[in-house]
C-alpha atoms as a PDB file:
ATOM      1  CA  MET A   1      10.831 -16.749  18.493  1.00  0.00           C
ATOM      2  CA  LEU A   2       7.158 -17.387  17.786  1.00  0.00           C
ATOM      3  CA  ASN A   3       7.538 -16.462  14.105  1.00  0.00           C
ATOM      4  CA  LEU A   4       4.608 -14.021  14.301  1.00  0.00           C
ATOM      5  CA  THR A   5       3.907 -11.353  11.719  1.00  0.00           C
ATOM      6  CA  SER A   6       5.352  -8.025  12.824  1.00  0.00           C
ATOM      7  CA  MET A   7       3.037  -5.136  13.630  1.00  0.00           C
ATOM      8  CA  GLU A   8       4.686  -3.168  10.843  1.00  0.00           C
ATOM      9  CA  LEU A   9       3.853  -5.831   8.260  1.00  0.00           C
ATOM     10  CA  MET A  10       0.339  -6.170   9.653  1.00  0.00           C
ATOM     11  CA  HIS A  11      -0.137  -2.418   9.122  1.00  0.00           C
ATOM     12  CA  ILE A  12       0.920  -2.750   5.496  1.00  0.00           C
ATOM     13  CA  HIS A  13      -1.540  -5.625   5.030  1.00  0.00           C
ATOM     14  CA  ILE A  14      -4.305  -3.411   6.428  1.00  0.00           C
ATOM     15  CA  ASP A  15      -3.292  -0.173   4.685  1.00  0.00           C
ATOM     16  CA  LEU A  16      -3.074  -1.572   1.144  1.00  0.00           C
ATOM     17  CA  PRO A  17      -6.681  -2.860   1.032  1.00  0.00           C
ATOM     18  CA  TRP A  18      -7.787   0.445   2.545  1.00  0.00           C
ATOM     19  CA  CYS A  19      -5.931   2.254  -0.245  1.00  0.00           C
ATOM     20  CA  TYR A  20      -7.654  -0.036  -2.769  1.00  0.00           C
ATOM     21  CA  GLN A  21     -11.043   0.909  -1.324  1.00  0.00           C
ATOM     22  CA  ILE A  22     -10.222   4.615  -1.631  1.00  0.00           C
ATOM     23  CA  VAL A  23      -8.932   4.303  -5.218  1.00  0.00           C
ATOM     24  CA  PHE A  24     -11.940   2.287  -6.361  1.00  0.00           C
ATOM     25  CA  GLY A  25     -14.511   4.475  -4.581  1.00  0.00           C
ATOM     26  CA  MET A  26     -15.642   1.827  -2.105  1.00  0.00           C
ATOM     27  CA  VAL A  27     -15.455   4.238   0.846  1.00  0.00           C
ATOM     28  CA  ASP A  28     -16.598   7.812   1.230  1.00  0.00           C
ATOM     29  CA  VAL A  29     -13.144   9.384   0.982  1.00  0.00           C
ATOM     30  CA  GLU A  30     -12.136  11.721  -1.817  1.00  0.00           C
ATOM     31  CA  CYS A  31      -9.199  10.100  -3.606  1.00  0.00           C
ATOM     32  CA  ASP A  32      -8.178  13.422  -5.162  1.00  0.00           C
ATOM     33  CA  ASN A  33      -7.623  14.978  -1.744  1.00  0.00           C
ATOM     34  CA  HIS A  34      -4.843  12.531  -0.922  1.00  0.00           C
ATOM     35  CA  PHE A  35      -3.216  11.245  -4.080  1.00  0.00           C
ATOM     36  CA  LYS A  36      -3.484  11.294  -7.835  1.00  0.00           C
ATOM     37  CA  LEU A  37      -3.830   8.313 -10.160  1.00  0.00           C
ATOM     38  CA  CYS A  38      -1.315   8.024 -12.973  1.00  0.00           C
ATOM     39  CA  THR A  39      -2.981   8.487 -16.345  1.00  0.00           C
ATOM     40  CA  SER A  40      -0.213   7.039 -18.498  1.00  0.00           C
ATOM     41  CA  PRO A  41      -1.094   3.685 -20.136  1.00  0.00           C
ATOM     42  CA  VAL A  42       2.607   2.755 -20.224  1.00  0.00           C
ATOM     43  CA  VAL A  43       2.957   2.330 -16.468  1.00  0.00           C
ATOM     44  CA  ASN A  44       0.789   0.487 -14.002  1.00  0.00           C
ATOM     45  CA  PRO A  45      -2.712   1.999 -14.471  1.00  0.00           C
ATOM     46  CA  TYR A  46      -3.181   2.178 -10.701  1.00  0.00           C
ATOM     47  CA  LYS A  47       0.115   3.903  -9.941  1.00  0.00           C
ATOM     48  CA  LEU A  48      -0.347   6.716  -7.438  1.00  0.00           C
ATOM     49  CA  TYR A  49       1.388  10.054  -7.090  1.00  0.00           C
ATOM     50  CA  LYS A  50       1.730  11.746  -3.727  1.00  0.00           C
ATOM     51  CA  LEU A  51       0.373  15.218  -3.403  1.00  0.00           C
ATOM     52  CA  SER A  52       2.867  17.479  -1.686  1.00  0.00           C
ATOM     53  CA  GLY A  53       2.505  17.458   2.036  1.00  0.00           C
ATOM     54  CA  THR A  54       4.056  18.788   5.165  1.00  0.00           C
ATOM     55  CA  ASN A  55       6.045  16.997   7.831  1.00  0.00           C
ATOM     56  CA  THR A  56       2.786  16.609   9.717  1.00  0.00           C
ATOM     57  CA  THR A  57       1.085  14.745   6.865  1.00  0.00           C
ATOM     58  CA  SER A  58       4.118  12.647   5.922  1.00  0.00           C
ATOM     59  CA  HIS A  59       3.020   9.902   8.307  1.00  0.00           C
ATOM     60  CA  PHE A  60      -0.582   9.720   7.121  1.00  0.00           C
ATOM     61  CA  LEU A  61      -1.812   6.534   5.486  1.00  0.00           C
ATOM     62  CA  VAL A  62      -1.528   7.808   1.946  1.00  0.00           C
ATOM     63  CA  CYS A  63       2.064   8.952   2.337  1.00  0.00           C
ATOM     64  CA  CYS A  64       3.180   5.733   3.980  1.00  0.00           C
ATOM     65  CA  VAL A  65       1.439   3.319   1.621  1.00  0.00           C
ATOM     66  CA  ILE A  66       2.044   4.828  -1.825  1.00  0.00           C
ATOM     67  CA  ASN A  67       5.547   3.396  -2.310  1.00  0.00           C
ATOM     68  CA  VAL A  68       4.335  -0.064  -1.337  1.00  0.00           C
ATOM     69  CA  TRP A  69       1.224   0.289  -3.538  1.00  0.00           C
ATOM     70  CA  ASN A  70       3.316   1.341  -6.535  1.00  0.00           C
ATOM     71  CA  SER A  71       5.626  -1.646  -6.076  1.00  0.00           C
ATOM     72  CA  LEU A  72       2.788  -4.150  -6.462  1.00  0.00           C
ATOM     73  CA  PRO A  73       3.139  -6.220  -9.636  1.00  0.00           C
ATOM     74  CA  LYS A  74       1.550  -4.757 -12.760  1.00  0.00           C
ATOM     75  CA  THR A  75      -0.057  -8.130 -13.363  1.00  0.00           C
ATOM     76  CA  MET A  76      -1.807  -8.083  -9.992  1.00  0.00           C
ATOM     77  CA  ASP A  77      -5.521  -8.858 -10.012  1.00  0.00           C
ATOM     78  CA  PHE A  78      -7.364  -5.683  -8.956  1.00  0.00           C
ATOM     79  CA  SER A  79     -10.812  -7.104  -9.778  1.00  0.00           C
ATOM     80  CA  THR A  80     -11.978  -7.549  -6.168  1.00  0.00           C
ATOM     81  CA  ILE A  81     -10.863  -6.597  -2.694  1.00  0.00           C
ATOM     82  CA  ASN A  82     -10.369 -10.290  -1.862  1.00  0.00           C
ATOM     83  CA  ALA A  83      -8.109 -10.770  -4.886  1.00  0.00           C
ATOM     84  CA  VAL A  84      -6.050  -7.800  -3.729  1.00  0.00           C
ATOM     85  CA  ARG A  85      -5.816  -9.187  -0.190  1.00  0.00           C
ATOM     86  CA  ARG A  86      -4.625 -12.548  -1.526  1.00  0.00           C
ATOM     87  CA  ALA A  87      -2.015 -10.902  -3.741  1.00  0.00           C
ATOM     88  CA  ILE A  88      -0.779  -8.766  -0.860  1.00  0.00           C
ATOM     89  CA  SER A  89      -0.419 -11.761   1.429  1.00  0.00           C
ATOM     90  CA  ASP A  90       1.614 -13.542  -1.288  1.00  0.00           C
ATOM     91  CA  ALA A  91       3.843 -10.526  -2.035  1.00  0.00           C
ATOM     92  CA  ASP A  92       7.266 -10.080  -0.467  1.00  0.00           C
ATOM     93  CA  LEU A  93       7.046  -6.716   1.256  1.00  0.00           C
ATOM     94  CA  ALA A  94      10.213  -7.089   3.332  1.00  0.00           C
ATOM     95  CA  GLU A  95      11.972  -4.199   1.594  1.00  0.00           C
ATOM     96  CA  PHE A  96       9.351  -1.811   2.987  1.00  0.00           C
ATOM     97  CA  LEU A  97       9.822  -2.835   6.603  1.00  0.00           C
ATOM     98  CA  VAL A  98      11.730  -0.192   8.493  1.00  0.00           C
ATOM     99  CA  LEU A  99      12.147  -1.916  11.794  1.00  0.00           C
ATOM    100  CA  THR A 100      14.938  -4.462  12.164  1.00  0.00           C
ATOM    101  CA  GLN A 101      13.924  -8.046  12.752  1.00  0.00           C
ATOM    102  CA  TYR A 102      15.368  -9.412  15.972  1.00  0.00           C
ATOM    103  CA  THR A 103      17.215 -12.693  15.708  1.00  0.00           C
ATOM    104  CA  ASP A 104      18.797 -15.004  18.208  1.00  0.00           C
ATOM    105  CA  THR A 105      22.577 -14.788  17.911  1.00  0.00           C
END
């Protein structure tokens, strides 16, 4: 009723910049321990591959965010964290929301 951003969408908006910081070495987290960057010049140069995990790790940040990250437009500006945040806020991420939106009927 208040047209607020869902918690699920807010998590995506937080997780994607965090993923950016890991990929670009802006935080002290080993990227190679969680995912692998695609090395093919044909696809998005920042495409990520999941490393195999268990059911326990399937809900970790890197497992939850990789599909969303890989869906970002290839033309997206990855030059700064602020550019990434702007692009994320402009992107339609509805297809990645699992929870059903409640509507008045």
